[in-house]
Amino acid sequence: MSSGLDIHLASEAERLAAFRNVRDIWGAGLSMDVHIARRVRSPQHKRADWFVGCVDGQVVSSLASYPLLFRICGKVLRGIAIGSVHTVEQFRQNGHAAEVVQFAEQHAQAKKSAISLLYSDIAPDYYSKMGYVQCPSWECGGLTKNALELAEELGGNLVLFAAADKLSFISQMYNTYHNQLPITVARDESYWKFLLQKDDYDRFFWVQRPSGKVIGFVRISNEAASVRIKDFAIVDQQESTAQVFYATIVRAVQEWDLQGFKGWLPENDVVKEFFNLQPRSREITMLKSLHSDVKIAGTGVKNTNYFCEIDHV
């Protein structure tokens, strides 16, 4: 390790120091007091193990390590998601962040975690040098020229519902949609309950055929004149079902007099009928194996583009 860098699990005071440090990047223009209070209250940040690297007792580098489950080729494995990787400006270019990442990985390995996930906001090569594999990462860049016509022809209805009352149903729907993929984020009951607390201003809708039959759910938030698709699942793998699913969302948003679409979407033929996709320049999905028996390559990597934005840390 670098001379003088002391890396360990953060004390409460060190966690607050880390929160202060990251305001320069993730402060969203808030005052320091409001920024720290928001982080302290955050259900997401409460889930994390916070690691710090200190020089002479000062927190100069930090990150959060969140527990996460993955399903890989049908097997559920423990893992982590790393977020809020940060080094104080005057201590950068010394390799501190990489050392804290390595420490967090070793801590996770000791707890039998097999996968590490992060979403890079910087050039992915930085994390590639640490063994992370860059995965396809797409986001919505607007509607295709045929989207509105398809929406009018195929669209059904969106019906608002209270997700907490239907947790078992949407969990089952998520599993049906995602578990057929080589790799996905696995959601147990406790994680689902956390997701309902996270961004609790989001709205959940059933996606229904014109006949009223439910074919999926979608979780969205409103942002100015746009909607952001943050989570969804479809009840089967038929392309015709997926067409109605996306058509219904597009038609409903048009009826709400909202024009824009944002959010992560998978790159497949049906999605591209409705949405122009573009590679994400930030929040780029990257995975690393923490166990020799787990391989991050091939088809599995491609299918990480089905990861949903609500799982972002």
Protein backbone atom coordinates (compact mmCIF):
# COMPACT_ATOMS: atom_id res chain seq x y z
CA MET A 1 0.00 0.00 0.00
CA SER A 2 1.00 3.62 -0.40
CA SER A 3 3.14 4.96 2.41
CA GLY A 4 1.02 6.50 5.12
CA LEU A 5 -2.37 5.34 3.81
CA ASP A 6 -4.42 3.63 6.52
CA ILE A 7 -7.42 1.78 5.05
CA HIS A 8 -10.22 0.43 7.22
CA LEU A 9 -13.96 0.32 7.80
CA ALA A 10 -15.11 3.84 8.59
CA SER A 11 -16.14 4.99 12.02
CA GLU A 12 -19.24 7.17 12.21
CA ALA A 13 -17.09 10.31 12.26
CA GLU A 14 -15.09 9.08 9.27
CA ARG A 15 -18.27 8.26 7.36
CA LEU A 16 -19.47 11.84 7.85
CA ALA A 17 -16.05 13.08 6.74
CA ALA A 18 -16.40 11.00 3.58
CA PHE A 19 -19.84 12.54 2.99
CA ARG A 20 -18.30 16.00 3.29
CA ASN A 21 -15.54 15.12 0.87
CA VAL A 22 -17.80 13.89 -1.93
CA ARG A 23 -19.91 17.05 -2.04
CA ASP A 24 -17.60 18.46 -4.73
CA ILE A 25 -18.86 15.78 -7.13
CA TRP A 26 -22.23 14.55 -5.83
CA GLY A 27 -23.44 17.58 -3.90
CA ALA A 28 -26.09 18.58 -6.48
CA GLY A 29 -25.60 22.24 -5.54
CA LEU A 30 -26.82 21.69 -1.99
CA SER A 31 -25.36 23.37 1.06
CA MET A 32 -22.98 21.21 3.06
CA ASP A 33 -25.50 20.70 5.90
CA VAL A 34 -28.31 19.69 3.55
CA HIS A 35 -25.99 17.46 1.53
CA ILE A 36 -24.81 15.57 4.63
CA ALA A 37 -28.31 15.32 6.09
CA ARG A 38 -29.61 13.84 2.85
CA ARG A 39 -26.85 11.23 2.81
CA VAL A 40 -27.37 10.35 6.45
CA ARG A 41 -31.11 9.78 5.83
CA SER A 42 -30.63 7.85 2.60
CA PRO A 43 -31.86 4.23 2.81
CA GLN A 44 -29.25 3.38 0.21
CA HIS A 45 -26.27 4.78 2.09
CA LYS A 46 -27.43 3.07 5.29
CA ARG A 47 -27.03 -0.32 3.57
CA ALA A 48 -23.36 0.18 2.75
CA ASP A 49 -20.09 -0.69 4.40
CA TRP A 50 -18.04 2.50 4.13
CA PHE A 51 -14.29 2.18 3.70
CA VAL A 52 -11.83 5.04 4.11
CA GLY A 53 -8.19 5.63 3.42
CA CYS A 54 -6.59 8.07 5.86
CA VAL A 55 -3.35 10.02 5.90
CA ASP A 56 -2.33 11.30 9.33
CA GLY A 57 -5.89 10.73 10.53
CA GLN A 58 -7.51 12.66 7.66
CA VAL A 59 -10.00 10.87 5.41
CA VAL A 60 -8.55 11.37 1.92
CA SER A 61 -10.19 8.51 -0.01
CA SER A 62 -13.42 6.58 0.48
CA LEU A 63 -16.04 4.35 -1.07
CA ALA A 64 -19.25 2.51 -0.26
CA SER A 65 -19.66 -1.25 -0.65
CA TYR A 66 -23.27 -2.42 -0.93
CA PRO A 67 -24.36 -6.06 -0.48
CA LEU A 68 -25.92 -7.46 -3.63
CA LEU A 69 -27.00 -10.86 -4.92
CA PHE A 70 -26.42 -12.06 -8.47
CA ARG A 71 -27.92 -14.95 -10.38
CA ILE A 72 -25.34 -16.41 -12.73
CA CYS A 73 -26.36 -19.35 -14.94
CA GLY A 74 -29.12 -20.21 -12.49
CA LYS A 75 -27.03 -20.01 -9.32
CA VAL A 76 -27.45 -17.21 -6.77
CA LEU A 77 -24.11 -15.80 -5.59
CA ARG A 78 -23.22 -13.16 -3.04
CA GLY A 79 -21.57 -10.01 -4.32
CA ILE A 80 -21.04 -6.33 -3.78
CA ALA A 81 -21.70 -3.11 -5.65
CA ILE A 82 -19.10 -0.40 -5.20
CA GLY A 83 -20.12 3.25 -5.31
CA SER A 84 -19.07 6.77 -4.32
CA VAL A 85 -15.38 6.13 -5.05
CA HIS A 86 -13.69 9.43 -4.21
CA THR A 87 -10.31 10.94 -3.36
CA VAL A 88 -9.78 14.47 -2.07
CA GLU A 89 -8.34 16.58 -4.89
CA GLN A 90 -4.94 17.32 -3.38
CA PHE A 91 -4.35 13.60 -2.73
CA ARG A 92 -5.23 12.35 -6.23
CA GLN A 93 -2.78 10.66 -8.63
CA ASN A 94 -1.30 8.63 -5.77
CA GLY A 95 -3.25 5.40 -6.31
CA HIS A 96 -5.27 5.82 -3.13
CA ALA A 97 -8.67 5.04 -4.65
CA ALA A 98 -7.38 1.85 -6.27
CA GLU A 99 -6.03 0.69 -2.91
CA VAL A 100 -9.33 1.33 -1.16
CA VAL A 101 -11.15 -0.57 -3.92
CA GLN A 102 -8.80 -3.50 -3.49
CA PHE A 103 -9.29 -3.45 0.28
CA ALA A 104 -13.10 -3.49 -0.16
CA GLU A 105 -12.83 -6.41 -2.60
CA GLN A 106 -10.71 -8.39 -0.16
CA HIS A 107 -13.19 -7.66 2.63
CA ALA A 108 -15.98 -8.95 0.38
CA GLN A 109 -14.03 -12.06 -0.57
CA ALA A 110 -13.58 -12.86 3.11
CA LYS A 111 -17.38 -12.81 3.39
CA LYS A 112 -17.70 -15.24 0.42
CA SER A 113 -18.69 -12.65 -2.18
CA ALA A 114 -17.93 -13.78 -5.74
CA ILE A 115 -18.76 -10.70 -7.85
CA SER A 116 -18.01 -6.99 -7.66
CA LEU A 117 -20.09 -4.49 -9.65
CA LEU A 118 -19.55 -0.79 -10.18
CA TYR A 119 -20.92 1.92 -12.44
CA SER A 120 -18.09 4.07 -13.71
CA ASP A 121 -18.50 7.83 -14.15
CA ILE A 122 -14.93 8.13 -15.45
CA ALA A 123 -12.99 6.55 -18.31
CA PRO A 124 -13.57 2.80 -17.89
CA ASP A 125 -9.89 2.05 -18.51
CA TYR A 126 -9.18 3.16 -14.95
CA TYR A 127 -11.19 0.24 -13.57
CA SER A 128 -10.23 -2.13 -16.39
CA LYS A 129 -6.68 -1.99 -15.06
CA MET A 130 -8.06 -3.32 -11.77
CA GLY A 131 -9.63 -6.31 -13.53
CA TYR A 132 -13.13 -4.94 -14.15
CA VAL A 133 -14.81 -5.89 -17.43
CA GLN A 134 -16.69 -3.14 -19.25
CA CYS A 135 -20.23 -4.23 -20.11
CA PRO A 136 -22.73 -2.87 -22.66
CA SER A 137 -24.49 0.13 -21.11
CA TRP A 138 -27.37 1.74 -23.00
CA GLU A 139 -29.82 4.53 -22.32
CA CYS A 140 -32.83 5.98 -24.07
CA GLY A 141 -32.04 8.76 -26.54
CA GLY A 142 -35.59 9.51 -27.67
CA LEU A 143 -38.29 7.87 -29.77
CA THR A 144 -37.86 6.35 -33.21
CA LYS A 145 -39.79 7.83 -36.11
CA ASN A 146 -42.25 4.90 -36.05
CA ALA A 147 -42.75 4.78 -32.28
CA LEU A 148 -45.91 6.88 -32.10
CA GLU A 149 -47.59 4.99 -34.92
CA LEU A 150 -46.79 1.67 -33.26
CA ALA A 151 -47.98 3.01 -29.93
CA GLU A 152 -51.34 4.01 -31.37
CA GLU A 153 -51.74 0.66 -33.09
CA LEU A 154 -50.61 -1.65 -30.27
CA GLY A 155 -50.82 0.27 -27.02
CA GLY A 156 -52.93 -0.75 -24.06
CA ASN A 157 -53.24 0.96 -20.68
CA LEU A 158 -51.09 1.92 -17.71
CA VAL A 159 -52.78 1.45 -14.35
CA LEU A 160 -51.26 3.00 -11.22
CA PHE A 161 -50.84 0.68 -8.23
CA ALA A 162 -49.25 0.64 -4.79
CA ALA A 163 -46.13 -1.50 -5.08
CA ALA A 164 -45.97 -2.38 -1.38
CA ASP A 165 -49.35 -4.10 -1.69
CA LYS A 166 -48.23 -6.15 -4.70
CA LEU A 167 -44.65 -6.95 -3.77
CA SER A 168 -45.00 -10.71 -4.21
CA PHE A 169 -46.56 -10.28 -7.64
CA ILE A 170 -43.97 -7.86 -9.02
CA SER A 171 -41.15 -9.95 -7.54
CA GLN A 172 -42.44 -13.00 -9.37
CA MET A 173 -42.77 -10.97 -12.57
CA TYR A 174 -39.20 -9.70 -12.21
CA ASN A 175 -37.94 -13.27 -11.77
CA THR A 176 -39.85 -14.52 -14.81
CA TYR A 177 -38.36 -11.79 -16.98
CA HIS A 178 -34.79 -11.73 -15.68
CA ASN A 179 -33.96 -15.22 -14.48
CA GLN A 180 -33.77 -16.63 -18.00
CA LEU A 181 -30.70 -14.43 -18.59
CA PRO A 182 -27.16 -15.74 -17.95
CA ILE A 183 -26.53 -12.99 -15.42
CA THR A 184 -28.85 -10.70 -13.52
CA VAL A 185 -29.25 -8.93 -10.20
CA ALA A 186 -31.10 -11.30 -7.87
CA ARG A 187 -33.62 -9.66 -5.57
CA ASP A 188 -34.61 -11.27 -2.32
CA GLU A 189 -37.45 -9.99 -0.11
CA SER A 190 -35.29 -7.68 1.98
CA TYR A 191 -33.75 -6.11 -1.12
CA TRP A 192 -37.17 -5.57 -2.64
CA LYS A 193 -38.30 -3.78 0.50
CA PHE A 194 -35.26 -1.56 0.28
CA LEU A 195 -36.01 -0.77 -3.38
CA LEU A 196 -39.48 0.41 -2.41
CA GLN A 197 -37.92 2.82 0.10
CA LYS A 198 -35.38 4.07 -2.40
CA ASP A 199 -36.68 6.98 -4.50
CA ASP A 200 -40.08 6.51 -2.91
CA TYR A 201 -41.55 9.28 -5.07
CA ASP A 202 -41.45 6.90 -8.07
CA ARG A 203 -44.71 5.51 -9.42
CA PHE A 204 -45.51 1.90 -10.36
CA PHE A 205 -47.88 0.99 -13.17
CA TRP A 206 -49.31 -2.24 -14.45
CA VAL A 207 -48.93 -2.49 -18.21
CA GLN A 208 -52.13 -3.93 -19.65
CA ARG A 209 -53.23 -5.12 -23.06
CA PRO A 210 -56.34 -3.39 -24.45
CA SER A 211 -58.26 -6.40 -23.10
CA GLY A 212 -57.10 -5.53 -19.56
CA LYS A 213 -54.67 -8.46 -19.20
CA VAL A 214 -51.55 -7.48 -17.24
CA ILE A 215 -48.35 -8.11 -19.21
CA GLY A 216 -45.81 -6.36 -17.00
CA PHE A 217 -45.00 -3.52 -14.67
CA VAL A 218 -42.97 -0.36 -15.03
CA ARG A 219 -41.50 1.98 -12.43
CA ILE A 220 -41.04 5.56 -13.55
CA SER A 221 -40.22 9.01 -12.24
CA ASN A 222 -41.09 12.36 -13.79
CA GLU A 223 -38.26 14.72 -14.68
CA ALA A 224 -39.35 18.06 -16.15
CA ALA A 225 -41.07 17.19 -19.46
CA SER A 226 -39.76 13.64 -19.45
CA VAL A 227 -40.26 10.32 -17.74
CA ARG A 228 -37.43 8.11 -16.57
CA ILE A 229 -37.93 4.35 -16.80
CA LYS A 230 -36.17 2.93 -13.74
CA ASP A 231 -37.43 -0.63 -13.44
CA PHE A 232 -39.67 -2.98 -15.38
CA ALA A 233 -40.47 -6.58 -16.19
CA ILE A 234 -42.55 -8.38 -18.79
CA VAL A 235 -44.51 -11.57 -18.10
CA ASP A 236 -43.11 -13.65 -20.97
CA GLN A 237 -40.39 -13.63 -23.62
CA GLN A 238 -42.65 -13.26 -26.67
CA GLU A 239 -41.69 -10.38 -28.96
CA SER A 240 -45.36 -9.60 -29.52
CA THR A 241 -45.84 -9.14 -25.77
CA ALA A 242 -42.83 -6.84 -25.56
CA GLN A 243 -44.17 -4.76 -28.45
CA VAL A 244 -47.44 -4.13 -26.63
CA PHE A 245 -45.52 -3.42 -23.43
CA TYR A 246 -43.39 -0.64 -24.92
CA ALA A 247 -46.20 0.66 -27.11
CA THR A 248 -48.39 1.09 -24.03
CA ILE A 249 -45.73 3.10 -22.20
CA VAL A 250 -45.10 5.36 -25.19
CA ARG A 251 -48.81 6.01 -25.76
CA ALA A 252 -49.48 6.76 -22.10
CA VAL A 253 -46.63 9.26 -21.89
CA GLN A 254 -47.90 11.03 -24.98
CA GLU A 255 -51.34 11.25 -23.40
CA TRP A 256 -49.72 12.80 -20.32
CA ASP A 257 -48.38 15.50 -22.67
CA LEU A 258 -44.80 14.54 -21.86
CA GLN A 259 -42.39 14.26 -24.75
CA GLY A 260 -39.13 12.83 -23.48
CA PHE A 261 -37.94 9.44 -22.31
CA LYS A 262 -34.90 8.71 -20.17
CA GLY A 263 -33.51 5.68 -18.44
CA TRP A 264 -31.62 2.47 -19.04
CA LEU A 265 -33.04 0.07 -21.60
CA PRO A 266 -31.71 -3.21 -23.00
CA GLU A 267 -30.49 -3.33 -26.56
CA ASN A 268 -32.79 -5.71 -28.40
CA ASP A 269 -34.84 -5.58 -31.58
CA VAL A 270 -38.15 -4.74 -29.92
CA VAL A 271 -36.75 -1.91 -27.82
CA LYS A 272 -35.10 -0.44 -30.93
CA GLU A 273 -38.48 -0.34 -32.69
CA PHE A 274 -39.56 2.31 -30.17
CA PHE A 275 -36.45 3.98 -28.75
CA ASN A 276 -33.22 5.34 -30.08
CA LEU A 277 -30.54 3.90 -27.86
CA GLN A 278 -27.18 5.44 -27.16
CA PRO A 279 -24.21 4.24 -25.10
CA ARG A 280 -24.10 5.72 -21.61
CA SER A 281 -21.23 8.14 -21.12
CA ARG A 282 -21.60 7.80 -17.35
CA GLU A 283 -22.78 5.03 -15.04
CA ILE A 284 -21.05 2.46 -17.23
CA THR A 285 -21.60 -1.07 -15.97
CA MET A 286 -18.42 -2.92 -15.00
CA LEU A 287 -18.03 -6.36 -13.38
CA LYS A 288 -15.17 -8.23 -11.77
CA SER A 289 -14.97 -11.82 -10.59
CA LEU A 290 -13.80 -12.23 -7.01
CA HIS A 291 -13.71 -16.03 -7.27
CA SER A 292 -11.78 -18.25 -9.68
CA ASP A 293 -14.88 -20.32 -10.49
CA VAL A 294 -16.85 -17.29 -11.72
CA LYS A 295 -16.08 -16.13 -15.24
CA ILE A 296 -17.16 -12.70 -16.49
CA ALA A 297 -17.16 -13.03 -20.25
CA GLY A 298 -19.15 -13.77 -23.39
CA THR A 299 -22.93 -13.86 -23.44
CA GLY A 300 -23.20 -13.10 -19.76
CA VAL A 301 -21.50 -9.75 -20.19
CA LYS A 302 -23.75 -8.83 -23.10
CA ASN A 303 -26.86 -9.50 -21.04
CA THR A 304 -25.88 -7.10 -18.29
CA ASN A 305 -27.58 -4.49 -20.44
CA TYR A 306 -30.81 -5.81 -18.90
CA PHE A 307 -29.74 -4.47 -15.49
CA CYS A 308 -32.27 -1.87 -14.33
CA GLU A 309 -31.43 1.67 -13.25
CA ILE A 310 -33.10 1.31 -9.86
CA ASP A 311 -30.26 -1.08 -8.90
CA HIS A 312 -27.66 1.62 -9.53
CA VAL A 313 -25.58 2.65 -6.50
